[in-house]
Amino acid sequence: MTYILIHNPGCGSSKKGLELLQSKGIEPKVRKYMSAAERLSVEELKDIAKKMGAKSPRAFLREKDAEAAGLSDKASDEQVYAAMAENPKLIQRPIGINGKKAVLGRPNERLLDIA
């Protein structure tokens, strides 16, 4: 299986997550989701939530950016997924995906749970 890291090279936590994986001999396929060419679709976001075992996309939503982006705390899951696909800054990072499992790397050591 290929380990995929949903990564923002401009984020310190995301950089540390990548460095941690590499220090353990894991060379993940890096998905720079902030890039227009590599953005995550609503379906991909739903798949990540499923692999995390999360009931809602709020499990990996950057709450502090949601309000500023106009996303209400009463927004439906479908609205949250759509907002995250439209504005990737709303996605918490890093996220590790390995096969049928995914994990939010907060703290970064959690990325190793699915390695």
C-alpha atoms as a PDB file:
ATOM      1  CA  MET A   1       0.000   0.000   0.000  1.00  0.00           C
ATOM      2  CA  THR A   2       1.081   3.540  -0.656  1.00  0.00           C
ATOM      3  CA  TYR A   3       1.024   5.926   2.274  1.00  0.00           C
ATOM      4  CA  ILE A   4      -0.501   9.245   1.177  1.00  0.00           C
ATOM      5  CA  LEU A   5       0.093  12.447   3.107  1.00  0.00           C
ATOM      6  CA  ILE A   6      -2.374  15.290   2.656  1.00  0.00           C
ATOM      7  CA  HIS A   7       0.199  18.026   3.062  1.00  0.00           C
ATOM      8  CA  ASN A   8       0.549  21.793   3.090  1.00  0.00           C
ATOM      9  CA  PRO A   9       4.237  22.712   2.667  1.00  0.00           C
ATOM     10  CA  GLY A  10       3.493  26.130   4.180  1.00  0.00           C
ATOM     11  CA  CYS A  11       2.296  24.618   7.480  1.00  0.00           C
ATOM     12  CA  GLY A  12       4.787  23.857  10.251  1.00  0.00           C
ATOM     13  CA  SER A  13       2.771  20.932  11.640  1.00  0.00           C
ATOM     14  CA  SER A  14       2.443  19.439   8.182  1.00  0.00           C
ATOM     15  CA  LYS A  15       6.195  19.790   7.561  1.00  0.00           C
ATOM     16  CA  LYS A  16       6.949  18.107  10.892  1.00  0.00           C
ATOM     17  CA  GLY A  17       4.556  15.282  10.021  1.00  0.00           C
ATOM     18  CA  LEU A  18       6.346  14.650   6.730  1.00  0.00           C
ATOM     19  CA  GLU A  19       9.738  14.763   8.468  1.00  0.00           C
ATOM     20  CA  LEU A  20       8.515  12.287  11.113  1.00  0.00           C
ATOM     21  CA  LEU A  21       7.347   9.802   8.488  1.00  0.00           C
ATOM     22  CA  GLN A  22      10.594  10.120   6.554  1.00  0.00           C
ATOM     23  CA  SER A  23      12.634   9.634   9.754  1.00  0.00           C
ATOM     24  CA  LYS A  24      10.850   6.289  10.174  1.00  0.00           C
ATOM     25  CA  GLY A  25      11.691   5.226   6.617  1.00  0.00           C
ATOM     26  CA  ILE A  26       8.240   6.023   5.213  1.00  0.00           C
ATOM     27  CA  GLU A  27       8.330   7.973   1.957  1.00  0.00           C
ATOM     28  CA  PRO A  28       4.703   8.967   1.432  1.00  0.00           C
ATOM     29  CA  LYS A  29       3.081  10.111  -1.763  1.00  0.00           C
ATOM     30  CA  VAL A  30       2.583  13.797  -0.973  1.00  0.00           C
ATOM     31  CA  ARG A  31      -0.683  15.427  -1.982  1.00  0.00           C
ATOM     32  CA  LYS A  32      -0.324  19.211  -1.868  1.00  0.00           C
ATOM     33  CA  TYR A  33      -4.045  19.828  -1.477  1.00  0.00           C
ATOM     34  CA  MET A  34      -3.732  23.628  -1.363  1.00  0.00           C
ATOM     35  CA  SER A  35      -2.605  23.600  -5.000  1.00  0.00           C
ATOM     36  CA  ALA A  36      -5.473  24.058  -7.454  1.00  0.00           C
ATOM     37  CA  ALA A  37      -4.253  21.029  -9.398  1.00  0.00           C
ATOM     38  CA  GLU A  38      -4.309  18.766  -6.313  1.00  0.00           C
ATOM     39  CA  ARG A  39      -7.408  19.954  -4.451  1.00  0.00           C
ATOM     40  CA  LEU A  40      -9.590  17.369  -2.778  1.00  0.00           C
ATOM     41  CA  SER A  41     -13.071  16.766  -4.160  1.00  0.00           C
ATOM     42  CA  VAL A  42     -16.181  16.374  -2.012  1.00  0.00           C
ATOM     43  CA  GLU A  43     -16.073  12.618  -2.732  1.00  0.00           C
ATOM     44  CA  GLU A  44     -12.429  12.392  -1.645  1.00  0.00           C
ATOM     45  CA  LEU A  45     -13.224  14.300   1.550  1.00  0.00           C
ATOM     46  CA  LYS A  46     -16.104  11.923   2.283  1.00  0.00           C
ATOM     47  CA  ASP A  47     -13.767   8.984   1.703  1.00  0.00           C
ATOM     48  CA  ILE A  48     -11.227  10.439   4.141  1.00  0.00           C
ATOM     49  CA  ALA A  49     -13.932  10.861   6.797  1.00  0.00           C
ATOM     50  CA  LYS A  50     -15.044   7.262   6.263  1.00  0.00           C
ATOM     51  CA  LYS A  51     -11.467   5.984   6.554  1.00  0.00           C
ATOM     52  CA  MET A  52     -11.059   7.996   9.770  1.00  0.00           C
ATOM     53  CA  GLY A  53     -14.233   6.472  11.157  1.00  0.00           C
ATOM     54  CA  ALA A  54     -15.586  10.001  11.517  1.00  0.00           C
ATOM     55  CA  LYS A  55     -19.297  10.714  11.452  1.00  0.00           C
ATOM     56  CA  SER A  56     -18.782  14.268  10.276  1.00  0.00           C
ATOM     57  CA  PRO A  57     -16.272  16.290   8.253  1.00  0.00           C
ATOM     58  CA  ARG A  58     -15.945  18.471  11.325  1.00  0.00           C
ATOM     59  CA  ALA A  59     -13.464  15.837  12.572  1.00  0.00           C
ATOM     60  CA  PHE A  60     -10.877  17.469  10.294  1.00  0.00           C
ATOM     61  CA  LEU A  61     -12.279  20.978   9.865  1.00  0.00           C
ATOM     62  CA  ARG A  62     -10.142  23.943  10.913  1.00  0.00           C
ATOM     63  CA  GLU A  63     -12.787  25.495  13.148  1.00  0.00           C
ATOM     64  CA  LYS A  64     -10.841  28.735  13.611  1.00  0.00           C
ATOM     65  CA  ASP A  65     -10.907  29.347   9.848  1.00  0.00           C
ATOM     66  CA  ALA A  66     -14.498  28.178   9.346  1.00  0.00           C
ATOM     67  CA  GLU A  67     -16.126  31.227  10.906  1.00  0.00           C
ATOM     68  CA  ALA A  68     -13.889  33.623   8.985  1.00  0.00           C
ATOM     69  CA  ALA A  69     -14.855  31.805   5.775  1.00  0.00           C
ATOM     70  CA  GLY A  70     -18.537  32.304   6.579  1.00  0.00           C
ATOM     71  CA  LEU A  71     -19.236  28.685   7.501  1.00  0.00           C
ATOM     72  CA  SER A  72     -21.822  28.585  10.260  1.00  0.00           C
ATOM     73  CA  ASP A  73     -21.476  26.177  13.164  1.00  0.00           C
ATOM     74  CA  LYS A  74     -24.984  25.051  12.179  1.00  0.00           C
ATOM     75  CA  ALA A  75     -23.928  24.150   8.611  1.00  0.00           C
ATOM     76  CA  SER A  76     -24.865  20.658   7.458  1.00  0.00           C
ATOM     77  CA  ASP A  77     -22.204  18.060   6.721  1.00  0.00           C
ATOM     78  CA  GLU A  78     -22.866  18.514   2.997  1.00  0.00           C
ATOM     79  CA  GLN A  79     -22.267  22.255   3.344  1.00  0.00           C
ATOM     80  CA  VAL A  80     -19.058  21.604   5.283  1.00  0.00           C
ATOM     81  CA  TYR A  81     -17.765  19.166   2.641  1.00  0.00           C
ATOM     82  CA  ALA A  82     -18.592  21.667  -0.124  1.00  0.00           C
ATOM     83  CA  ALA A  83     -16.872  24.495   1.748  1.00  0.00           C
ATOM     84  CA  MET A  84     -13.756  22.375   2.332  1.00  0.00           C
ATOM     85  CA  ALA A  85     -13.574  21.401  -1.340  1.00  0.00           C
ATOM     86  CA  GLU A  86     -13.983  25.042  -2.375  1.00  0.00           C
ATOM     87  CA  ASN A  87     -11.626  26.450   0.249  1.00  0.00           C
ATOM     88  CA  PRO A  88      -8.930  23.895   1.202  1.00  0.00           C
ATOM     89  CA  LYS A  89      -7.644  26.195   3.940  1.00  0.00           C
ATOM     90  CA  LEU A  90     -10.553  24.795   5.979  1.00  0.00           C
ATOM     91  CA  ILE A  91      -8.987  21.323   6.043  1.00  0.00           C
ATOM     92  CA  GLN A  92      -6.970  20.433   9.122  1.00  0.00           C
ATOM     93  CA  ARG A  93      -3.557  18.960   8.316  1.00  0.00           C
ATOM     94  CA  PRO A  94      -1.638  16.821   7.980  1.00  0.00           C
ATOM     95  CA  ILE A  95      -3.786  13.809   7.181  1.00  0.00           C
ATOM     96  CA  GLY A  96      -2.275  10.386   6.608  1.00  0.00           C
ATOM     97  CA  ILE A  97      -4.025   7.802   4.453  1.00  0.00           C
ATOM     98  CA  ASN A  98      -2.905   4.205   4.181  1.00  0.00           C
ATOM     99  CA  GLY A  99      -5.222   1.725   2.517  1.00  0.00           C
ATOM    100  CA  LYS A 100      -8.577   1.738   4.278  1.00  0.00           C
ATOM    101  CA  LYS A 101      -7.398   3.901   7.170  1.00  0.00           C
ATOM    102  CA  ALA A 102      -6.836   7.611   7.607  1.00  0.00           C
ATOM    103  CA  VAL A 103      -5.765   9.717  10.559  1.00  0.00           C
ATOM    104  CA  LEU A 104      -5.395  13.380  11.386  1.00  0.00           C
ATOM    105  CA  GLY A 105      -1.788  13.983  12.375  1.00  0.00           C
ATOM    106  CA  ARG A 106      -2.558  15.995  15.509  1.00  0.00           C
ATOM    107  CA  PRO A 107      -0.237  15.317  17.224  1.00  0.00           C
ATOM    108  CA  ASN A 108       2.081  14.272  14.401  1.00  0.00           C
ATOM    109  CA  GLU A 109       2.864  10.926  16.038  1.00  0.00           C
ATOM    110  CA  ARG A 110      -0.662   9.784  15.160  1.00  0.00           C
ATOM    111  CA  LEU A 111       0.498   9.549  11.532  1.00  0.00           C
ATOM    112  CA  LEU A 112       2.493   6.475  12.575  1.00  0.00           C
ATOM    113  CA  ASP A 113      -0.662   4.705  13.847  1.00  0.00           C
ATOM    114  CA  ILE A 114      -1.552   3.663  10.300  1.00  0.00           C
ATOM    115  CA  ALA A 115       1.982   3.150   8.925  1.00  0.00           C
END
